[in-house]
Amino acid sequence: MSGKYDDIIDHPHYQSKTRPHMSMINRAAQFSPFAALTGYGEAVSETERLTDERIVLDDSVAEDINRKLLEIESSISEEPYVTLTYFVEDVLKEGGRYLYVTDNVVKIDRYNRIVYMKEGSKISIDDIFDIELLKSRE
């Protein structure tokens, strides 16, 4: 039985005399997949990323936060140790996320509405969701 390529099966592999032989890696690279839609993967990842909705505080919670801020302010020279939970808006999409910082409060600026922490954090009073007053740095 004769095959379709029997007449050329034993011929030597052709190599150009004018061009260098291509390495196996370069040959394989010709057939590797490419990103036809550049940025598509990043766009899908961004869409999948979840954000939290900002919780609107009711009056009693807002009053409790204000009372705790006054308490912290009255003992600011002692640098009260607290945990602040606060909201950070997402710069790319609607919503954001809740973060917390545990540190000593060194200053409360009522005019600019900012709480300054010992290790450098600056938290907007308007973004504070909860304040936990702690006994001391552990």
N, C-alpha and C. Protein backbone atom coordinates (compact mmCIF):
# COMPACT_ATOMS: atom_id res chain seq x y z
N MET A 1 0.84 -1.15 0.00
CA MET A 1 0.00 0.00 0.00
C MET A 1 0.90 1.24 0.00
N SER A 2 0.64 2.14 -0.86
CA SER A 2 1.47 3.33 -0.93
C SER A 2 0.74 4.51 -0.29
N GLY A 3 1.52 5.34 0.44
CA GLY A 3 0.94 6.49 1.11
C GLY A 3 1.02 7.73 0.26
N LYS A 4 0.33 8.73 0.67
CA LYS A 4 0.23 9.98 -0.06
C LYS A 4 1.59 10.69 -0.20
N TYR A 5 2.48 10.54 0.80
CA TYR A 5 3.75 11.26 0.81
C TYR A 5 4.95 10.34 0.68
N ASP A 6 4.76 9.14 0.20
CA ASP A 6 5.88 8.18 0.06
C ASP A 6 7.00 8.72 -0.81
N ASP A 7 6.67 9.56 -1.79
CA ASP A 7 7.69 10.05 -2.71
C ASP A 7 8.62 11.10 -2.06
N ILE A 8 8.22 11.72 -0.97
CA ILE A 8 9.08 12.74 -0.35
C ILE A 8 9.49 12.41 1.10
N ILE A 9 9.02 11.28 1.61
CA ILE A 9 9.25 10.96 3.02
C ILE A 9 10.73 10.84 3.37
N ASP A 10 11.54 10.40 2.47
CA ASP A 10 12.96 10.18 2.77
C ASP A 10 13.85 11.34 2.35
N HIS A 11 13.29 12.41 1.85
CA HIS A 11 14.09 13.58 1.44
C HIS A 11 14.57 14.32 2.69
N PRO A 12 15.74 14.95 2.62
CA PRO A 12 16.23 15.74 3.76
C PRO A 12 15.37 16.99 3.95
N HIS A 13 15.31 17.45 5.22
CA HIS A 13 14.54 18.66 5.56
C HIS A 13 15.22 19.87 4.91
N TYR A 14 14.46 20.71 4.28
CA TYR A 14 15.00 21.88 3.60
C TYR A 14 15.43 22.93 4.62
N GLN A 15 16.60 23.49 4.42
CA GLN A 15 17.08 24.63 5.20
C GLN A 15 17.61 25.68 4.25
N SER A 16 17.18 26.92 4.47
CA SER A 16 17.61 28.03 3.62
C SER A 16 19.10 28.28 3.77
N LYS A 17 19.72 28.62 2.68
CA LYS A 17 21.15 28.94 2.70
C LYS A 17 21.36 30.43 3.01
N THR A 18 20.31 31.25 2.89
CA THR A 18 20.45 32.69 3.08
C THR A 18 19.89 33.18 4.41
N ARG A 19 19.05 32.41 5.04
CA ARG A 19 18.44 32.81 6.32
C ARG A 19 18.87 31.86 7.43
N PRO A 20 19.09 32.42 8.65
CA PRO A 20 19.49 31.53 9.76
C PRO A 20 18.33 30.63 10.19
N HIS A 21 18.69 29.48 10.72
CA HIS A 21 17.68 28.52 11.19
C HIS A 21 16.98 29.09 12.44
N MET A 22 15.66 29.05 12.48
CA MET A 22 14.88 29.58 13.60
C MET A 22 14.88 28.57 14.75
N SER A 23 15.09 29.06 15.96
CA SER A 23 15.08 28.17 17.12
C SER A 23 13.67 27.67 17.38
N MET A 24 13.58 26.58 18.14
CA MET A 24 12.26 25.99 18.46
C MET A 24 11.41 26.97 19.26
N ILE A 25 12.02 27.75 20.15
CA ILE A 25 11.26 28.71 20.97
C ILE A 25 10.67 29.80 20.08
N ASN A 26 11.46 30.31 19.13
CA ASN A 26 10.95 31.34 18.22
C ASN A 26 9.86 30.79 17.31
N ARG A 27 10.02 29.54 16.87
CA ARG A 27 8.98 28.92 16.04
C ARG A 27 7.68 28.78 16.83
N ALA A 28 7.81 28.35 18.08
CA ALA A 28 6.63 28.16 18.92
C ALA A 28 5.95 29.49 19.21
N ALA A 29 6.75 30.57 19.35
CA ALA A 29 6.18 31.88 19.66
C ALA A 29 5.26 32.39 18.55
N GLN A 30 5.49 31.93 17.33
CA GLN A 30 4.63 32.35 16.21
C GLN A 30 3.19 31.90 16.42
N PHE A 31 3.03 30.80 17.16
CA PHE A 31 1.71 30.21 17.31
C PHE A 31 1.11 30.41 18.69
N SER A 32 1.80 31.19 19.53
CA SER A 32 1.29 31.41 20.89
C SER A 32 0.10 32.36 20.84
N PRO A 33 -0.81 32.24 21.81
CA PRO A 33 -1.99 33.11 21.81
C PRO A 33 -1.59 34.56 22.09
N PHE A 34 -2.40 35.47 21.65
CA PHE A 34 -2.16 36.88 21.92
C PHE A 34 -3.46 37.50 22.41
N ALA A 35 -3.34 38.64 23.05
CA ALA A 35 -4.52 39.32 23.60
C ALA A 35 -5.13 40.19 22.50
N ALA A 36 -6.11 39.66 21.82
CA ALA A 36 -6.76 40.41 20.76
C ALA A 36 -7.52 41.61 21.32
N LEU A 37 -8.04 41.46 22.52
CA LEU A 37 -8.78 42.55 23.17
C LEU A 37 -7.96 43.05 24.35
N THR A 38 -7.01 43.91 24.07
CA THR A 38 -6.15 44.40 25.15
C THR A 38 -6.99 45.17 26.17
N GLY A 39 -6.75 44.87 27.43
CA GLY A 39 -7.47 45.53 28.51
C GLY A 39 -8.77 44.84 28.89
N TYR A 40 -9.19 43.86 28.11
CA TYR A 40 -10.46 43.19 28.39
C TYR A 40 -10.41 42.46 29.73
N GLY A 41 -9.32 41.76 29.99
CA GLY A 41 -9.19 41.02 31.25
C GLY A 41 -9.26 41.93 32.46
N GLU A 42 -8.59 43.09 32.35
CA GLU A 42 -8.61 44.05 33.45
C GLU A 42 -10.02 44.62 33.65
N ALA A 43 -10.73 44.84 32.54
CA ALA A 43 -12.09 45.38 32.64
C ALA A 43 -13.02 44.38 33.30
N VAL A 44 -12.86 43.11 32.97
CA VAL A 44 -13.68 42.07 33.59
C VAL A 44 -13.37 41.98 35.08
N SER A 45 -12.08 42.02 35.44
CA SER A 45 -11.69 41.97 36.85
C SER A 45 -12.27 43.15 37.62
N GLU A 46 -12.23 44.33 37.02
CA GLU A 46 -12.76 45.53 37.69
C GLU A 46 -14.26 45.40 37.90
N THR A 47 -14.96 44.84 36.92
CA THR A 47 -16.41 44.65 37.04
C THR A 47 -16.73 43.65 38.14
N GLU A 48 -15.90 42.62 38.26
CA GLU A 48 -16.13 41.58 39.28
C GLU A 48 -15.85 42.09 40.69
N ARG A 49 -14.97 43.09 40.82
CA ARG A 49 -14.57 43.59 42.14
C ARG A 49 -15.77 44.20 42.85
N LEU A 50 -16.00 43.73 44.05
CA LEU A 50 -17.16 44.20 44.81
C LEU A 50 -16.80 45.39 45.69
N THR A 51 -17.76 46.27 45.85
CA THR A 51 -17.61 47.38 46.77
C THR A 51 -18.78 47.36 47.74
N ASP A 52 -18.59 48.00 48.88
CA ASP A 52 -19.67 48.10 49.86
C ASP A 52 -20.41 49.42 49.64
N GLU A 53 -21.66 49.41 50.00
CA GLU A 53 -22.45 50.63 49.96
C GLU A 53 -22.25 51.36 51.28
N ARG A 54 -22.13 52.69 51.22
CA ARG A 54 -21.97 53.47 52.45
C ARG A 54 -23.26 53.38 53.27
N ILE A 55 -23.11 53.08 54.54
CA ILE A 55 -24.25 52.98 55.44
C ILE A 55 -24.55 54.36 56.00
N VAL A 56 -25.78 54.79 55.86
CA VAL A 56 -26.19 56.08 56.40
C VAL A 56 -26.49 55.88 57.89
N LEU A 57 -25.78 56.62 58.71
CA LEU A 57 -25.93 56.48 60.16
C LEU A 57 -27.22 57.13 60.64
N ASP A 58 -27.91 56.43 61.54
CA ASP A 58 -29.09 57.07 62.13
C ASP A 58 -28.64 58.04 63.22
N ASP A 59 -29.53 58.85 63.68
CA ASP A 59 -29.19 59.92 64.62
C ASP A 59 -28.54 59.41 65.90
N SER A 60 -29.00 58.28 66.42
CA SER A 60 -28.46 57.78 67.70
C SER A 60 -27.01 57.33 67.52
N VAL A 61 -26.67 56.72 66.39
CA VAL A 61 -25.29 56.30 66.15
C VAL A 61 -24.40 57.52 65.95
N ALA A 62 -24.90 58.51 65.20
CA ALA A 62 -24.14 59.74 64.98
C ALA A 62 -23.87 60.46 66.31
N GLU A 63 -24.87 60.47 67.19
CA GLU A 63 -24.70 61.10 68.52
C GLU A 63 -23.67 60.34 69.35
N ASP A 64 -23.69 59.01 69.25
CA ASP A 64 -22.74 58.18 69.99
C ASP A 64 -21.30 58.45 69.51
N ILE A 65 -21.12 58.57 68.20
CA ILE A 65 -19.80 58.88 67.65
C ILE A 65 -19.35 60.26 68.13
N ASN A 66 -20.25 61.22 68.10
CA ASN A 66 -19.92 62.58 68.54
C ASN A 66 -19.56 62.60 70.03
N ARG A 67 -20.29 61.84 70.84
CA ARG A 67 -20.01 61.76 72.28
C ARG A 67 -18.62 61.17 72.50
N LYS A 68 -18.28 60.11 71.76
CA LYS A 68 -16.96 59.49 71.90
C LYS A 68 -15.85 60.43 71.44
N LEU A 69 -16.11 61.19 70.37
CA LEU A 69 -15.11 62.17 69.92
C LEU A 69 -14.86 63.24 70.99
N LEU A 70 -15.93 63.68 71.65
CA LEU A 70 -15.78 64.65 72.75
C LEU A 70 -14.98 64.06 73.90
N GLU A 71 -15.24 62.80 74.20
CA GLU A 71 -14.51 62.11 75.26
C GLU A 71 -13.02 61.99 74.90
N ILE A 72 -12.73 61.66 73.65
CA ILE A 72 -11.34 61.57 73.18
C ILE A 72 -10.69 62.95 73.24
N GLU A 73 -11.42 63.95 72.80
CA GLU A 73 -10.91 65.32 72.77
C GLU A 73 -10.57 65.82 74.17
N SER A 74 -11.38 65.43 75.14
CA SER A 74 -11.14 65.89 76.51
C SER A 74 -9.88 65.28 77.12
N SER A 75 -9.43 64.16 76.58
CA SER A 75 -8.22 63.53 77.10
C SER A 75 -7.14 63.41 76.02
N ILE A 76 -7.13 64.37 75.09
CA ILE A 76 -6.21 64.31 73.94
C ILE A 76 -4.74 64.35 74.37
N SER A 77 -4.43 65.00 75.47
CA SER A 77 -3.04 65.07 75.94
C SER A 77 -2.51 63.69 76.33
N GLU A 78 -3.41 62.77 76.65
CA GLU A 78 -3.01 61.40 77.00
C GLU A 78 -2.95 60.49 75.77
N GLU A 79 -3.25 61.04 74.59
CA GLU A 79 -3.28 60.31 73.33
C GLU A 79 -4.10 59.02 73.46
N PRO A 80 -5.41 59.15 73.57
CA PRO A 80 -6.28 57.99 73.74
C PRO A 80 -6.09 56.94 72.65
N TYR A 81 -6.16 55.69 73.06
CA TYR A 81 -5.98 54.54 72.16
C TYR A 81 -7.35 54.07 71.72
N VAL A 82 -7.59 54.07 70.40
CA VAL A 82 -8.92 53.75 69.88
C VAL A 82 -8.83 52.88 68.62
N THR A 83 -9.96 52.30 68.28
CA THR A 83 -10.13 51.67 66.97
C THR A 83 -11.23 52.45 66.26
N LEU A 84 -10.89 53.01 65.09
CA LEU A 84 -11.85 53.74 64.28
C LEU A 84 -12.20 52.89 63.07
N THR A 85 -13.48 52.70 62.84
CA THR A 85 -13.95 52.05 61.62
C THR A 85 -14.49 53.17 60.74
N TYR A 86 -14.01 53.21 59.50
CA TYR A 86 -14.38 54.32 58.63
C TYR A 86 -14.55 53.85 57.19
N PHE A 87 -15.25 54.67 56.41
CA PHE A 87 -15.57 54.35 55.03
C PHE A 87 -14.60 55.06 54.09
N VAL A 88 -14.10 54.34 53.08
CA VAL A 88 -13.23 54.92 52.06
C VAL A 88 -13.91 54.71 50.72
N GLU A 89 -14.21 55.82 50.03
CA GLU A 89 -14.86 55.72 48.72
C GLU A 89 -13.91 55.13 47.69
N ASP A 90 -14.47 54.33 46.79
CA ASP A 90 -13.72 53.75 45.69
C ASP A 90 -13.54 54.81 44.61
N VAL A 91 -12.35 54.93 44.07
CA VAL A 91 -12.10 55.96 43.06
C VAL A 91 -12.58 55.54 41.67
N LEU A 92 -12.82 54.24 41.46
CA LEU A 92 -13.19 53.77 40.13
C LEU A 92 -14.66 53.45 39.94
N LYS A 93 -15.33 53.11 41.02
CA LYS A 93 -16.74 52.75 40.88
C LYS A 93 -17.53 53.18 42.10
N GLU A 94 -18.83 53.07 42.00
CA GLU A 94 -19.70 53.50 43.09
C GLU A 94 -19.50 52.61 44.31
N GLY A 95 -19.55 53.22 45.48
CA GLY A 95 -19.36 52.48 46.72
C GLY A 95 -17.97 52.66 47.27
N GLY A 96 -17.53 51.70 48.05
CA GLY A 96 -16.21 51.76 48.65
C GLY A 96 -16.03 50.58 49.58
N ARG A 97 -15.27 50.81 50.64
CA ARG A 97 -15.07 49.72 51.62
C ARG A 97 -14.84 50.31 53.00
N TYR A 98 -15.11 49.48 53.99
CA TYR A 98 -14.90 49.89 55.37
C TYR A 98 -13.55 49.37 55.84
N LEU A 99 -12.77 50.27 56.41
CA LEU A 99 -11.47 49.94 56.96
C LEU A 99 -11.46 50.30 58.44
N TYR A 100 -10.45 49.83 59.14
CA TYR A 100 -10.31 50.24 60.53
C TYR A 100 -8.84 50.49 60.83
N VAL A 101 -8.62 51.35 61.79
CA VAL A 101 -7.27 51.65 62.26
C VAL A 101 -7.32 51.65 63.78
N THR A 102 -6.31 51.02 64.37
CA THR A 102 -6.17 51.01 65.83
C THR A 102 -4.87 51.74 66.15
N ASP A 103 -5.01 52.88 66.83
CA ASP A 103 -3.85 53.73 67.08
C ASP A 103 -4.22 54.78 68.13
N ASN A 104 -3.23 55.58 68.51
CA ASN A 104 -3.47 56.69 69.43
C ASN A 104 -3.92 57.92 68.66
N VAL A 105 -4.91 58.60 69.18
CA VAL A 105 -5.37 59.86 68.58
C VAL A 105 -4.49 60.98 69.14
N VAL A 106 -3.92 61.79 68.23
CA VAL A 106 -3.07 62.89 68.68
C VAL A 106 -3.73 64.25 68.51
N LYS A 107 -4.75 64.32 67.62
CA LYS A 107 -5.40 65.62 67.40
C LYS A 107 -6.76 65.39 66.75
N ILE A 108 -7.71 66.23 67.13
CA ILE A 108 -9.00 66.26 66.44
C ILE A 108 -9.19 67.69 65.96
N ASP A 109 -9.27 67.84 64.64
CA ASP A 109 -9.47 69.14 64.02
C ASP A 109 -10.95 69.26 63.66
N ARG A 110 -11.71 69.95 64.51
CA ARG A 110 -13.15 70.09 64.30
C ARG A 110 -13.46 70.96 63.09
N TYR A 111 -12.62 71.96 62.82
CA TYR A 111 -12.86 72.88 61.71
C TYR A 111 -12.78 72.13 60.37
N ASN A 112 -11.70 71.35 60.17
CA ASN A 112 -11.53 70.58 58.93
C ASN A 112 -12.13 69.17 59.03
N ARG A 113 -12.63 68.83 60.23
CA ARG A 113 -13.31 67.56 60.49
C ARG A 113 -12.41 66.35 60.20
N ILE A 114 -11.21 66.38 60.83
CA ILE A 114 -10.23 65.31 60.64
C ILE A 114 -9.71 64.84 61.98
N VAL A 115 -9.57 63.52 62.12
CA VAL A 115 -8.95 62.92 63.29
C VAL A 115 -7.54 62.49 62.86
N TYR A 116 -6.53 62.95 63.60
CA TYR A 116 -5.14 62.63 63.31
C TYR A 116 -4.67 61.52 64.25
N MET A 117 -4.08 60.48 63.66
CA MET A 117 -3.59 59.36 64.44
C MET A 117 -2.07 59.46 64.59
N LYS A 118 -1.54 58.83 65.62
CA LYS A 118 -0.11 58.92 65.94
C LYS A 118 0.78 58.42 64.80
N GLU A 119 0.37 57.34 64.13
CA GLU A 119 1.21 56.76 63.08
C GLU A 119 0.95 57.39 61.71
N GLY A 120 0.24 58.53 61.66
CA GLY A 120 0.12 59.29 60.43
C GLY A 120 -1.22 59.25 59.72
N SER A 121 -2.12 58.37 60.09
CA SER A 121 -3.43 58.31 59.43
C SER A 121 -4.23 59.57 59.72
N LYS A 122 -4.99 60.00 58.71
CA LYS A 122 -5.91 61.14 58.85
C LYS A 122 -7.27 60.63 58.41
N ILE A 123 -8.23 60.63 59.33
CA ILE A 123 -9.55 60.10 59.03
C ILE A 123 -10.57 61.22 59.12
N SER A 124 -11.37 61.33 58.08
CA SER A 124 -12.43 62.34 58.06
C SER A 124 -13.50 61.94 59.09
N ILE A 125 -13.91 62.88 59.89
CA ILE A 125 -14.95 62.63 60.89
C ILE A 125 -16.24 62.17 60.20
N ASP A 126 -16.50 62.71 59.01
CA ASP A 126 -17.72 62.36 58.29
C ASP A 126 -17.72 60.91 57.79
N ASP A 127 -16.54 60.28 57.72
CA ASP A 127 -16.44 58.90 57.24
C ASP A 127 -16.43 57.88 58.37
N ILE A 128 -16.39 58.34 59.63
CA ILE A 128 -16.32 57.42 60.76
C ILE A 128 -17.65 56.70 60.93
N PHE A 129 -17.55 55.37 61.04
CA PHE A 129 -18.72 54.53 61.21
C PHE A 129 -18.85 54.04 62.66
N ASP A 130 -17.69 53.86 63.31
CA ASP A 130 -17.70 53.38 64.69
C ASP A 130 -16.39 53.78 65.37
N ILE A 131 -16.48 54.00 66.67
CA ILE A 131 -15.30 54.28 67.50
C ILE A 131 -15.34 53.35 68.69
N GLU A 132 -14.23 52.67 68.88
CA GLU A 132 -14.10 51.82 70.07
C GLU A 132 -12.97 52.38 70.92
N LEU A 133 -13.31 52.78 72.14
CA LEU A 133 -12.31 53.31 73.06
C LEU A 133 -11.63 52.13 73.74
N LEU A 134 -10.30 52.08 73.65
CA LEU A 134 -9.54 50.97 74.22
C LEU A 134 -8.79 51.43 75.45
N LYS A 135 -8.44 50.49 76.31
CA LYS A 135 -7.77 50.83 77.59
C LYS A 135 -6.38 51.37 77.34
N SER A 136 -5.55 50.61 76.62
CA SER A 136 -4.18 51.04 76.36
C SER A 136 -3.62 50.24 75.20
N ARG A 137 -2.49 50.68 74.70
CA ARG A 137 -1.81 49.96 73.61
C ARG A 137 -1.35 48.61 74.13
N GLU A 138 -1.73 47.56 73.40
CA GLU A 138 -1.39 46.19 73.85
C GLU A 138 -0.08 45.73 73.30
